[in-house]
Protein backbone atom coordinates (compact mmCIF):
# COMPACT_ATOMS: atom_id res chain seq x y z
CA UNK A 1 -0.01 -0.05 0.01
CA UNK A 2 2.99 2.14 1.00
CA UNK A 3 4.29 2.18 -3.09
CA UNK A 4 1.53 2.45 -4.51
CA UNK A 5 0.40 5.59 -2.39
CA UNK A 6 3.86 7.13 -2.30
CA UNK A 7 3.03 7.05 -6.65
CA UNK A 8 0.31 9.12 -5.99
CA UNK A 9 0.25 12.36 -7.52
CA UNK A 10 -2.68 13.60 -6.27
CA UNK A 11 -1.98 13.15 -2.12
CA UNK A 12 -4.80 15.33 -0.71
CA UNK A 13 -7.43 14.64 -3.49
CA UNK A 14 -6.30 10.76 -3.33
CA UNK A 15 -5.82 10.83 0.85
CA UNK A 16 -2.83 8.90 0.56
CA UNK A 17 -2.47 10.72 4.21
CA UNK A 18 -4.55 8.76 5.75
CA UNK A 19 -2.84 5.27 6.02
CA UNK A 20 -1.69 4.40 9.45
CA UNK A 21 1.08 1.94 9.92
CA UNK A 22 -0.67 -1.52 11.55
CA UNK A 23 0.81 -1.05 15.52
CA UNK A 24 -1.50 2.55 15.15
CA UNK A 25 2.02 4.45 14.42
CA UNK A 26 2.05 7.78 11.95
CA UNK A 27 3.76 6.21 8.95
CA UNK A 28 5.20 8.34 6.36
CA UNK A 29 4.02 10.34 3.65
CA UNK A 30 5.48 11.74 0.22
CA UNK A 31 4.76 15.05 2.22
CA UNK A 32 7.02 14.76 5.41
CA UNK A 33 5.64 13.34 8.29
CA UNK A 34 5.14 17.34 9.44
CA UNK A 35 2.87 17.91 6.91
CA UNK A 36 0.89 14.22 7.47
CA UNK A 37 -0.14 15.33 11.09
CA UNK A 38 -0.90 18.69 10.12
CA UNK A 39 -3.67 16.99 7.52
CA UNK A 40 -4.90 14.34 9.90
CA UNK A 41 -5.07 16.68 12.42
CA UNK A 42 -7.24 19.47 10.53
CA UNK A 43 -9.19 16.47 9.29
CA UNK A 44 -9.33 15.31 13.70
CA UNK A 45 -8.61 12.60 12.69
CA UNK A 46 -4.86 12.01 14.61
CA UNK A 47 -4.80 8.11 16.15
CA UNK A 48 -4.37 8.59 19.84
CA UNK A 49 -0.64 8.24 21.02
CA UNK A 50 -0.04 4.56 22.74
CA UNK A 51 1.73 5.83 25.84
């Protein structure tokens, strides 16, 4: 999934920033993890911290 989403030319239109790791981690994002966190926060879907 990560490889396909990494090739996504429209990362906000096709919401690849919503893909998270199976353990609940934030995972990666072509625009950077900080951008991914901002997008998720804007949508109100930031994952809960594990610890």
